[in-house]
PDB file of N, CA and C in Angstrom:
ATOM      1  N   MET A   1    -131.919 -24.181 -69.760  1.00  0.00           N
ATOM      2  CA  MET A   1    -131.550 -23.628 -68.475  1.00  0.00           C
ATOM      3  C   MET A   1    -130.897 -24.722 -67.655  1.00  0.00           C
ATOM      4  N   ASN A   2    -129.854 -24.369 -66.954  1.00  0.00           N
ATOM      5  CA  ASN A   2    -129.146 -25.316 -66.111  1.00  0.00           C
ATOM      6  C   ASN A   2    -129.619 -25.117 -64.684  1.00  0.00           C
ATOM      7  N   ASN A   3    -130.287 -26.120 -64.111  1.00  0.00           N
ATOM      8  CA  ASN A   3    -130.832 -25.998 -62.763  1.00  0.00           C
ATOM      9  C   ASN A   3    -129.944 -26.617 -61.708  1.00  0.00           C
ATOM     10  N   SER A   4    -128.726 -26.963 -62.042  1.00  0.00           N
ATOM     11  CA  SER A   4    -127.844 -27.619 -61.093  1.00  0.00           C
ATOM     12  C   SER A   4    -126.921 -26.600 -60.447  1.00  0.00           C
ATOM     13  N   ASN A   5    -127.098 -26.402 -59.135  1.00  0.00           N
ATOM     14  CA  ASN A   5    -126.282 -25.436 -58.397  1.00  0.00           C
ATOM     15  C   ASN A   5    -125.259 -26.112 -57.504  1.00  0.00           C
ATOM     16  N   GLU A   6    -125.167 -27.459 -57.546  1.00  0.00           N
ATOM     17  CA  GLU A   6    -124.310 -28.163 -56.602  1.00  0.00           C
ATOM     18  C   GLU A   6    -122.852 -27.747 -56.698  1.00  0.00           C
ATOM     19  N   ASN A   7    -122.363 -27.491 -57.901  1.00  0.00           N
ATOM     20  CA  ASN A   7    -120.951 -27.187 -58.084  1.00  0.00           C
ATOM     21  C   ASN A   7    -120.640 -25.706 -57.995  1.00  0.00           C
ATOM     22  N   LEU A   8    -121.636 -24.888 -57.755  1.00  0.00           N
ATOM     23  CA  LEU A   8    -121.435 -23.444 -57.725  1.00  0.00           C
ATOM     24  C   LEU A   8    -120.796 -22.984 -56.421  1.00  0.00           C
ATOM     25  N   LEU A   9    -121.134 -23.618 -55.328  1.00  0.00           N
ATOM     26  CA  LEU A   9    -120.781 -23.088 -54.018  1.00  0.00           C
ATOM     27  C   LEU A   9    -119.779 -23.964 -53.281  1.00  0.00           C
ATOM     28  N   PRO A  10    -119.032 -23.356 -52.342  1.00  0.00           N
ATOM     29  CA  PRO A  10    -118.119 -24.130 -51.506  1.00  0.00           C
ATOM     30  C   PRO A  10    -118.895 -25.082 -50.598  1.00  0.00           C
ATOM     31  N   ASP A  11    -118.184 -25.953 -49.899  1.00  0.00           N
ATOM     32  CA  ASP A  11    -118.812 -26.894 -48.982  1.00  0.00           C
ATOM     33  C   ASP A  11    -119.629 -26.170 -47.928  1.00  0.00           C
ATOM     34  N   ALA A  12    -120.606 -26.876 -47.355  1.00  0.00           N
ATOM     35  CA  ALA A  12    -121.495 -26.295 -46.353  1.00  0.00           C
ATOM     36  C   ALA A  12    -120.736 -25.743 -45.155  1.00  0.00           C
ATOM     37  N   GLY A  13    -119.557 -26.254 -44.868  1.00  0.00           N
ATOM     38  CA  GLY A  13    -118.765 -25.760 -43.750  1.00  0.00           C
ATOM     39  C   GLY A  13    -118.310 -24.324 -43.938  1.00  0.00           C
ATOM     40  N   ASP A  14    -118.383 -23.837 -45.156  1.00  0.00           N
ATOM     41  CA  ASP A  14    -117.973 -22.468 -45.466  1.00  0.00           C
ATOM     42  C   ASP A  14    -119.160 -21.512 -45.541  1.00  0.00           C
ATOM     43  N   ASN A  15    -120.297 -21.855 -44.941  1.00  0.00           N
ATOM     44  CA  ASN A  15    -121.516 -21.059 -45.071  1.00  0.00           C
ATOM     45  C   ASN A  15    -121.370 -19.616 -44.616  1.00  0.00           C
ATOM     46  N   ASP A  16    -120.498 -19.324 -43.650  1.00  0.00           N
ATOM     47  CA  ASP A  16    -120.360 -17.965 -43.142  1.00  0.00           C
ATOM     48  C   ASP A  16    -119.276 -17.179 -43.860  1.00  0.00           C
ATOM     49  N   ARG A  17    -118.531 -17.816 -44.708  1.00  0.00           N
ATOM     50  CA  ARG A  17    -117.437 -17.170 -45.418  1.00  0.00           C
ATOM     51  C   ARG A  17    -117.967 -16.495 -46.675  1.00  0.00           C
ATOM     52  N   LEU A  18    -117.521 -15.277 -46.934  1.00  0.00           N
ATOM     53  CA  LEU A  18    -117.945 -14.582 -48.145  1.00  0.00           C
ATOM     54  C   LEU A  18    -117.323 -15.226 -49.369  1.00  0.00           C
ATOM     55  N   THR A  19    -118.112 -15.342 -50.391  1.00  0.00           N
ATOM     56  CA  THR A  19    -117.657 -15.893 -51.655  1.00  0.00           C
ATOM     57  C   THR A  19    -118.299 -15.087 -52.778  1.00  0.00           C
ATOM     58  N   THR A  20    -117.798 -15.259 -53.973  1.00  0.00           N
ATOM     59  CA  THR A  20    -118.319 -14.533 -55.124  1.00  0.00           C
ATOM     60  C   THR A  20    -118.720 -15.524 -56.201  1.00  0.00           C
ATOM     61  N   ALA A  21    -119.867 -15.304 -56.797  1.00  0.00           N
ATOM     62  CA  ALA A  21    -120.325 -16.120 -57.922  1.00  0.00           C
ATOM     63  C   ALA A  21    -120.634 -15.192 -59.084  1.00  0.00           C
ATOM     64  N   ARG A  22    -120.353 -15.646 -60.268  1.00  0.00           N
ATOM     65  CA  ARG A  22    -120.607 -14.851 -61.470  1.00  0.00           C
ATOM     66  C   ARG A  22    -121.650 -15.573 -62.306  1.00  0.00           C
ATOM     67  N   ILE A  23    -122.715 -14.872 -62.694  1.00  0.00           N
ATOM     68  CA  ILE A  23    -123.753 -15.475 -63.521  1.00  0.00           C
ATOM     69  C   ILE A  23    -124.104 -14.540 -64.673  1.00  0.00           C
ATOM     70  N   THR A  24    -124.624 -15.126 -65.717  1.00  0.00           N
ATOM     71  CA  THR A  24    -125.232 -14.376 -66.803  1.00  0.00           C
ATOM     72  C   THR A  24    -126.675 -14.839 -66.859  1.00  0.00           C
ATOM     73  N   MET A  25    -127.612 -13.899 -66.879  1.00  0.00           N
ATOM     74  CA  MET A  25    -129.014 -14.298 -66.899  1.00  0.00           C
ATOM     75  C   MET A  25    -129.797 -13.515 -67.937  1.00  0.00           C
ATOM     76  N   ARG A  26    -130.838 -14.174 -68.437  1.00  0.00           N
ATOM     77  CA  ARG A  26    -131.753 -13.560 -69.391  1.00  0.00           C
ATOM     78  C   ARG A  26    -133.016 -13.182 -68.636  1.00  0.00           C
ATOM     79  N   VAL A  27    -133.454 -11.931 -68.815  1.00  0.00           N
ATOM     80  CA  VAL A  27    -134.671 -11.456 -68.174  1.00  0.00           C
ATOM     81  C   VAL A  27    -135.711 -11.209 -69.269  1.00  0.00           C
ATOM     82  N   PRO A  28    -136.777 -12.028 -69.313  1.00  0.00           N
ATOM     83  CA  PRO A  28    -137.808 -11.842 -70.328  1.00  0.00           C
ATOM     84  C   PRO A  28    -138.511 -10.488 -70.180  1.00  0.00           C
ATOM     85  N   GLN A  29    -139.102 -10.028 -71.261  1.00  0.00           N
ATOM     86  CA  GLN A  29    -139.751  -8.718 -71.274  1.00  0.00           C
ATOM     87  C   GLN A  29    -140.800  -8.583 -70.171  1.00  0.00           C
ATOM     88  N   ASN A  30    -141.533  -9.634 -69.869  1.00  0.00           N
ATOM     89  CA  ASN A  30    -142.587  -9.525 -68.854  1.00  0.00           C
ATOM     90  C   ASN A  30    -142.035  -9.262 -67.449  1.00  0.00           C
ATOM     91  N   TYR A  31    -140.720  -9.354 -67.248  1.00  0.00           N
ATOM     92  CA  TYR A  31    -140.109  -9.052 -65.952  1.00  0.00           C
ATOM     93  C   TYR A  31    -139.362  -7.717 -65.940  1.00  0.00           C
ATOM     94  N   HIS A  32    -139.400  -6.967 -67.029  1.00  0.00           N
ATOM     95  CA  HIS A  32    -138.605  -5.741 -67.113  1.00  0.00           C
ATOM     96  C   HIS A  32    -138.936  -4.727 -66.018  1.00  0.00           C
ATOM     97  N   LYS A  33    -140.147  -4.669 -65.558  1.00  0.00           N
ATOM     98  CA  LYS A  33    -140.521  -3.691 -64.528  1.00  0.00           C
ATOM     99  C   LYS A  33    -140.451  -4.265 -63.114  1.00  0.00           C
ATOM    100  N   GLU A  34    -139.996  -5.508 -62.992  1.00  0.00           N
ATOM    101  CA  GLU A  34    -139.858  -6.141 -61.680  1.00  0.00           C
ATOM    102  C   GLU A  34    -138.475  -5.844 -61.095  1.00  0.00           C
ATOM    103  N   PRO A  35    -138.396  -5.598 -59.783  1.00  0.00           N
ATOM    104  CA  PRO A  35    -137.100  -5.285 -59.142  1.00  0.00           C
ATOM    105  C   PRO A  35    -136.287  -6.540 -58.816  1.00  0.00           C
ATOM    106  N   ILE A  36    -135.970  -7.321 -59.830  1.00  0.00           N
ATOM    107  CA  ILE A  36    -135.290  -8.603 -59.621  1.00  0.00           C
ATOM    108  C   ILE A  36    -133.927  -8.415 -58.962  1.00  0.00           C
ATOM    109  N   ILE A  37    -133.110  -7.535 -59.499  1.00  0.00           N
ATOM    110  CA  ILE A  37    -131.763  -7.335 -58.946  1.00  0.00           C
ATOM    111  C   ILE A  37    -131.847  -6.698 -57.567  1.00  0.00           C
ATOM    112  N   SER A  38    -132.764  -5.774 -57.377  1.00  0.00           N
ATOM    113  CA  SER A  38    -132.961  -5.155 -56.067  1.00  0.00           C
ATOM    114  C   SER A  38    -133.314  -6.202 -55.013  1.00  0.00           C
ATOM    115  N   ARG A  39    -134.107  -7.177 -55.388  1.00  0.00           N
ATOM    116  CA  ARG A  39    -134.487  -8.234 -54.438  1.00  0.00           C
ATOM    117  C   ARG A  39    -133.319  -9.144 -54.084  1.00  0.00           C
ATOM    118  N   LEU A  40    -132.355  -9.275 -54.973  1.00  0.00           N
ATOM    119  CA  LEU A  40    -131.157 -10.048 -54.627  1.00  0.00           C
ATOM    120  C   LEU A  40    -130.441  -9.398 -53.448  1.00  0.00           C
ATOM    121  N   VAL A  41    -130.495  -8.077 -53.402  1.00  0.00           N
ATOM    122  CA  VAL A  41    -129.861  -7.325 -52.313  1.00  0.00           C
ATOM    123  C   VAL A  41    -130.752  -7.336 -51.073  1.00  0.00           C
ATOM    124  N   SER A  42    -132.006  -6.890 -51.216  1.00  0.00           N
ATOM    125  CA  SER A  42    -132.874  -6.709 -50.052  1.00  0.00           C
ATOM    126  C   SER A  42    -133.366  -8.018 -49.441  1.00  0.00           C
ATOM    127  N   ASP A  43    -133.708  -8.996 -50.259  1.00  0.00           N
ATOM    128  CA  ASP A  43    -134.266 -10.242 -49.731  1.00  0.00           C
ATOM    129  C   ASP A  43    -133.220 -11.316 -49.447  1.00  0.00           C
ATOM    130  N   HIS A  44    -132.081 -11.248 -50.135  1.00  0.00           N
ATOM    131  CA  HIS A  44    -131.086 -12.315 -49.998  1.00  0.00           C
ATOM    132  C   HIS A  44    -129.757 -11.823 -49.426  1.00  0.00           C
ATOM    133  N   GLY A  45    -129.643 -10.532 -49.157  1.00  0.00           N
ATOM    134  CA  GLY A  45    -128.467  -9.985 -48.484  1.00  0.00           C
ATOM    135  C   GLY A  45    -127.195  -9.970 -49.299  1.00  0.00           C
ATOM    136  N   LEU A  46    -127.306 -10.011 -50.617  1.00  0.00           N
ATOM    137  CA  LEU A  46    -126.121 -10.044 -51.467  1.00  0.00           C
ATOM    138  C   LEU A  46    -125.631  -8.650 -51.827  1.00  0.00           C
ATOM    139  N   THR A  47    -124.364  -8.567 -52.151  1.00  0.00           N
ATOM    140  CA  THR A  47    -123.811  -7.406 -52.837  1.00  0.00           C
ATOM    141  C   THR A  47    -123.791  -7.799 -54.304  1.00  0.00           C
ATOM    142  N   VAL A  48    -124.382  -6.958 -55.157  1.00  0.00           N
ATOM    143  CA  VAL A  48    -124.497  -7.280 -56.578  1.00  0.00           C
ATOM    144  C   VAL A  48    -123.751  -6.236 -57.391  1.00  0.00           C
ATOM    145  N   ASN A  49    -122.846  -6.703 -58.226  1.00  0.00           N
ATOM    146  CA  ASN A  49    -122.137  -5.840 -59.162  1.00  0.00           C
ATOM    147  C   ASN A  49    -122.629  -6.195 -60.562  1.00  0.00           C
ATOM    148  N   ILE A  50    -123.198  -5.213 -61.258  1.00  0.00           N
ATOM    149  CA  ILE A  50    -123.638  -5.429 -62.632  1.00  0.00           C
ATOM    150  C   ILE A  50    -122.422  -5.212 -63.519  1.00  0.00           C
ATOM    151  N   VAL A  51    -121.848  -6.290 -64.007  1.00  0.00           N
ATOM    152  CA  VAL A  51    -120.636  -6.238 -64.817  1.00  0.00           C
ATOM    153  C   VAL A  51    -120.961  -5.789 -66.239  1.00  0.00           C
ATOM    154  N   ALA A  52    -122.084  -6.260 -66.772  1.00  0.00           N
ATOM    155  CA  ALA A  52    -122.529  -5.872 -68.113  1.00  0.00           C
ATOM    156  C   ALA A  52    -124.033  -6.085 -68.187  1.00  0.00           C
ATOM    157  N   ALA A  53    -124.696  -5.307 -69.039  1.00  0.00           N
ATOM    158  CA  ALA A  53    -126.141  -5.450 -69.192  1.00  0.00           C
ATOM    159  C   ALA A  53    -126.588  -4.919 -70.543  1.00  0.00           C
ATOM    160  N   ILE A  54    -127.651  -5.532 -71.052  1.00  0.00           N
ATOM    161  CA  ILE A  54    -128.320  -5.042 -72.248  1.00  0.00           C
ATOM    162  C   ILE A  54    -129.806  -5.017 -71.919  1.00  0.00           C
ATOM    163  N   LEU A  55    -130.368  -3.821 -71.781  1.00  0.00           N
ATOM    164  CA  LEU A  55    -131.794  -3.671 -71.502  1.00  0.00           C
ATOM    165  C   LEU A  55    -132.180  -2.232 -71.782  1.00  0.00           C
ATOM    166  N   GLY A  56    -132.954  -2.030 -72.802  1.00  0.00           N
ATOM    167  CA  GLY A  56    -133.416  -0.687 -73.120  1.00  0.00           C
ATOM    168  C   GLY A  56    -134.585  -0.296 -72.241  1.00  0.00           C
ATOM    169  N   GLU A  57    -134.783   1.003 -72.046  1.00  0.00           N
ATOM    170  CA  GLU A  57    -135.861   1.495 -71.186  1.00  0.00           C
ATOM    171  C   GLU A  57    -137.224   1.009 -71.672  1.00  0.00           C
ATOM    172  N   ASN A  58    -137.457   1.054 -72.947  1.00  0.00           N
ATOM    173  CA  ASN A  58    -138.726   0.603 -73.521  1.00  0.00           C
ATOM    174  C   ASN A  58    -138.522  -0.638 -74.389  1.00  0.00           C
ATOM    175  N   ALA A  59    -137.619  -1.488 -73.963  1.00  0.00           N
ATOM    176  CA  ALA A  59    -137.250  -2.668 -74.756  1.00  0.00           C
ATOM    177  C   ALA A  59    -138.434  -3.608 -74.944  1.00  0.00           C
ATOM    178  N   LYS A  60    -138.515  -4.145 -76.138  1.00  0.00           N
ATOM    179  CA  LYS A  60    -139.550  -5.127 -76.443  1.00  0.00           C
ATOM    180  C   LYS A  60    -138.955  -6.527 -76.531  1.00  0.00           C
ATOM    181  N   GLU A  61    -137.697  -6.635 -76.182  1.00  0.00           N
ATOM    182  CA  GLU A  61    -137.011  -7.923 -76.212  1.00  0.00           C
ATOM    183  C   GLU A  61    -136.483  -8.243 -74.820  1.00  0.00           C
ATOM    184  N   ASP A  62    -135.873  -9.410 -74.702  1.00  0.00           N
ATOM    185  CA  ASP A  62    -135.313  -9.831 -73.425  1.00  0.00           C
ATOM    186  C   ASP A  62    -134.111  -8.982 -73.046  1.00  0.00           C
ATOM    187  N   GLY A  63    -133.864  -8.876 -71.745  1.00  0.00           N
ATOM    188  CA  GLY A  63    -132.668  -8.218 -71.243  1.00  0.00           C
ATOM    189  C   GLY A  63    -131.651  -9.264 -70.824  1.00  0.00           C
ATOM    190  N   TRP A  64    -130.386  -8.878 -70.832  1.00  0.00           N
ATOM    191  CA  TRP A  64    -129.293  -9.777 -70.465  1.00  0.00           C
ATOM    192  C   TRP A  64    -128.427  -9.088 -69.423  1.00  0.00           C
ATOM    193  N   PHE A  65    -128.077  -9.807 -68.375  1.00  0.00           N
ATOM    194  CA  PHE A  65    -127.260  -9.252 -67.307  1.00  0.00           C
ATOM    195  C   PHE A  65    -126.117 -10.197 -66.978  1.00  0.00           C
ATOM    196  N   ASN A  66    -124.945  -9.634 -66.807  1.00  0.00           N
ATOM    197  CA  ASN A  66    -123.789 -10.360 -66.313  1.00  0.00           C
ATOM    198  C   ASN A  66    -123.569  -9.815 -64.906  1.00  0.00           C
ATOM    199  N   LEU A  67    -123.794 -10.644 -63.904  1.00  0.00           N
ATOM    200  CA  LEU A  67    -123.759 -10.202 -62.511  1.00  0.00           C
ATOM    201  C   LEU A  67    -122.673 -10.912 -61.725  1.00  0.00           C
ATOM    202  N   GLU A  68    -122.078 -10.168 -60.801  1.00  0.00           N
ATOM    203  CA  GLU A  68    -121.171 -10.740 -59.815  1.00  0.00           C
ATOM    204  C   GLU A  68    -121.903 -10.656 -58.481  1.00  0.00           C
ATOM    205  N   LEU A  69    -122.132 -11.795 -57.862  1.00  0.00           N
ATOM    206  CA  LEU A  69    -122.866 -11.878 -56.601  1.00  0.00           C
ATOM    207  C   LEU A  69    -121.895 -12.168 -55.475  1.00  0.00           C
ATOM    208  N   GLU A  70    -121.937 -11.357 -54.424  1.00  0.00           N
ATOM    209  CA  GLU A  70    -121.075 -11.600 -53.269  1.00  0.00           C
ATOM    210  C   GLU A  70    -121.936 -11.804 -52.036  1.00  0.00           C
ATOM    211  N   GLY A  71    -121.643 -12.866 -51.301  1.00  0.00           N
ATOM    212  CA  GLY A  71    -122.362 -13.175 -50.077  1.00  0.00           C
ATOM    213  C   GLY A  71    -121.887 -14.516 -49.560  1.00  0.00           C
ATOM    214  N   THR A  72    -122.587 -15.029 -48.568  1.00  0.00           N
ATOM    215  CA  THR A  72    -122.257 -16.361 -48.066  1.00  0.00           C
ATOM    216  C   THR A  72    -122.798 -17.400 -49.044  1.00  0.00           C
ATOM    217  N   SER A  73    -122.338 -18.608 -48.902  1.00  0.00           N
ATOM    218  CA  SER A  73    -122.824 -19.698 -49.754  1.00  0.00           C
ATOM    219  C   SER A  73    -124.337 -19.829 -49.662  1.00  0.00           C
ATOM    220  N   HIS A  74    -124.853 -19.725 -48.448  1.00  0.00           N
ATOM    221  CA  HIS A  74    -126.301 -19.840 -48.241  1.00  0.00           C
ATOM    222  C   HIS A  74    -127.047 -18.708 -48.946  1.00  0.00           C
ATOM    223  N   GLN A  75    -126.552 -17.480 -48.837  1.00  0.00           N
ATOM    224  CA  GLN A  75    -127.209 -16.342 -49.484  1.00  0.00           C
ATOM    225  C   GLN A  75    -127.222 -16.503 -51.004  1.00  0.00           C
ATOM    226  N   ILE A  76    -126.102 -16.929 -51.567  1.00  0.00           N
ATOM    227  CA  ILE A  76    -126.018 -17.101 -53.018  1.00  0.00           C
ATOM    228  C   ILE A  76    -126.937 -18.231 -53.464  1.00  0.00           C
ATOM    229  N   GLN A  77    -126.932 -19.326 -52.741  1.00  0.00           N
ATOM    230  CA  GLN A  77    -127.811 -20.450 -53.081  1.00  0.00           C
ATOM    231  C   GLN A  77    -129.274 -20.011 -53.038  1.00  0.00           C
ATOM    232  N   SER A  78    -129.657 -19.279 -52.008  1.00  0.00           N
ATOM    233  CA  SER A  78    -131.026 -18.787 -51.877  1.00  0.00           C
ATOM    234  C   SER A  78    -131.402 -17.877 -53.043  1.00  0.00           C
ATOM    235  N   ALA A  79    -130.491 -17.012 -53.443  1.00  0.00           N
ATOM    236  CA  ALA A  79    -130.744 -16.102 -54.566  1.00  0.00           C
ATOM    237  C   ALA A  79    -130.904 -16.874 -55.870  1.00  0.00           C
ATOM    238  N   LEU A  80    -130.097 -17.900 -56.082  1.00  0.00           N
ATOM    239  CA  LEU A  80    -130.203 -18.699 -57.305  1.00  0.00           C
ATOM    240  C   LEU A  80    -131.525 -19.457 -57.359  1.00  0.00           C
ATOM    241  N   VAL A  81    -131.977 -19.941 -56.222  1.00  0.00           N
ATOM    242  CA  VAL A  81    -133.280 -20.604 -56.170  1.00  0.00           C
ATOM    243  C   VAL A  81    -134.371 -19.600 -56.541  1.00  0.00           C
ATOM    244  N   TYR A  82    -134.289 -18.392 -55.996  1.00  0.00           N
ATOM    245  CA  TYR A  82    -135.251 -17.329 -56.324  1.00  0.00           C
ATOM    246  C   TYR A  82    -135.284 -17.067 -57.829  1.00  0.00           C
ATOM    247  N   LEU A  83    -134.118 -16.919 -58.448  1.00  0.00           N
ATOM    248  CA  LEU A  83    -134.054 -16.648 -59.885  1.00  0.00           C
ATOM    249  C   LEU A  83    -134.623 -17.815 -60.691  1.00  0.00           C
ATOM    250  N   GLU A  84    -134.337 -19.022 -60.263  1.00  0.00           N
ATOM    251  CA  GLU A  84    -134.850 -20.191 -60.973  1.00  0.00           C
ATOM    252  C   GLU A  84    -136.353 -20.350 -60.783  1.00  0.00           C
ATOM    253  N   GLU A  85    -136.874 -19.939 -59.615  1.00  0.00           N
ATOM    254  CA  GLU A  85    -138.322 -19.970 -59.404  1.00  0.00           C
ATOM    255  C   GLU A  85    -139.040 -19.000 -60.338  1.00  0.00           C
ATOM    256  N   LEU A  86    -138.361 -17.933 -60.736  1.00  0.00           N
ATOM    257  CA  LEU A  86    -138.919 -16.998 -61.713  1.00  0.00           C
ATOM    258  C   LEU A  86    -138.802 -17.549 -63.132  1.00  0.00           C
ATOM    259  N   ASP A  87    -138.152 -18.685 -63.276  1.00  0.00           N
ATOM    260  CA  ASP A  87    -137.918 -19.349 -64.557  1.00  0.00           C
ATOM    261  C   ASP A  87    -137.036 -18.516 -65.480  1.00  0.00           C
ATOM    262  N   LEU A  88    -136.048 -17.831 -64.882  1.00  0.00           N
ATOM    263  CA  LEU A  88    -135.083 -17.075 -65.672  1.00  0.00           C
ATOM    264  C   LEU A  88    -133.991 -18.025 -66.146  1.00  0.00           C
ATOM    265  N   GLU A  89    -133.488 -17.790 -67.339  1.00  0.00           N
ATOM    266  CA  GLU A  89    -132.371 -18.591 -67.832  1.00  0.00           C
ATOM    267  C   GLU A  89    -131.083 -18.047 -67.229  1.00  0.00           C
ATOM    268  N   ILE A  90    -130.266 -18.950 -66.697  1.00  0.00           N
ATOM    269  CA  ILE A  90    -129.016 -18.557 -66.053  1.00  0.00           C
ATOM    270  C   ILE A  90    -127.890 -19.369 -66.677  1.00  0.00           C
ATOM    271  N   TRP A  91    -126.815 -18.668 -67.062  1.00  0.00           N
ATOM    272  CA  TRP A  91    -125.651 -19.310 -67.667  1.00  0.00           C
ATOM    273  C   TRP A  91    -124.385 -18.920 -66.918  1.00  0.00           C
ATOM    274  N   ASP A  92    -123.321 -19.615 -67.238  1.00  0.00           N
ATOM    275  CA  ASP A  92    -121.971 -19.264 -66.786  1.00  0.00           C
ATOM    276  C   ASP A  92    -121.866 -19.144 -65.278  1.00  0.00           C
ATOM    277  N   LYS A  93    -122.505 -20.049 -64.561  1.00  0.00           N
ATOM    278  CA  LYS A  93    -122.386 -20.026 -63.107  1.00  0.00           C
ATOM    279  C   LYS A  93    -120.968 -20.416 -62.737  1.00  0.00           C
ATOM    280  N   SER A  94    -120.322 -19.577 -61.980  1.00  0.00           N
ATOM    281  CA  SER A  94    -118.983 -19.907 -61.505  1.00  0.00           C
ATOM    282  C   SER A  94    -118.803 -19.326 -60.124  1.00  0.00           C
ATOM    283  N   ALA A  95    -117.984 -19.976 -59.339  1.00  0.00           N
ATOM    284  CA  ALA A  95    -117.724 -19.514 -57.979  1.00  0.00           C
ATOM    285  C   ALA A  95    -116.234 -19.319 -57.804  1.00  0.00           C
ATOM    286  N   SER A  96    -115.892 -18.385 -56.941  1.00  0.00           N
ATOM    287  CA  SER A  96    -114.493 -18.138 -56.636  1.00  0.00           C
ATOM    288  C   SER A  96    -114.359 -17.971 -55.137  1.00  0.00           C
ATOM    289  N   ASP A  97    -113.713 -18.937 -54.494  1.00  0.00           N
ATOM    290  CA  ASP A  97    -113.555 -18.896 -53.041  1.00  0.00           C
ATOM    291  C   ASP A  97    -112.623 -17.792 -52.582  1.00  0.00           C
ATOM    292  N   ASP A  98    -111.680 -17.404 -53.430  1.00  0.00           N
ATOM    293  CA  ASP A  98    -110.682 -16.450 -52.973  1.00  0.00           C
ATOM    294  C   ASP A  98    -111.025 -15.008 -53.332  1.00  0.00           C
ATOM    295  N   ASP A  99    -112.198 -14.757 -53.868  1.00  0.00           N
ATOM    296  CA  ASP A  99    -112.603 -13.391 -54.193  1.00  0.00           C
ATOM    297  C   ASP A  99    -113.386 -12.777 -53.045  1.00  0.00           C
ATOM    298  N   THR A 100    -112.709 -12.306 -52.039  1.00  0.00           N
ATOM    299  CA  THR A 100    -113.383 -11.597 -50.958  1.00  0.00           C
ATOM    300  C   THR A 100    -112.897 -10.168 -50.947  1.00  0.00           C
ATOM    301  N   TRP A 101    -113.785  -9.254 -50.592  1.00  0.00           N
ATOM    302  CA  TRP A 101    -113.439  -7.826 -50.591  1.00  0.00           C
ATOM    303  C   TRP A 101    -113.265  -7.321 -49.195  1.00  0.00           C
TER     304      TRP A 101
END
């Protein structure tokens, strides 16, 4: 797991500007019934687009999600800390300053 978020977000001066980050994360089976993605919206104020996902209703294996997160730099950073506190594996962190809707 890569725990370094320094290069994901724009400078602190851009905290109020909307930005988009793209992540791929693995959700272990023990979290399948937890509202992880819902909490990204309700607790961290993000707009979340599920670009791709693999998770069966009664899956006995890990789930995989490719997510596009839209929010301020602070909101995205807070959400990434939340995901890392759950010890979820996160890959392909990328940010795009010019992706605003």
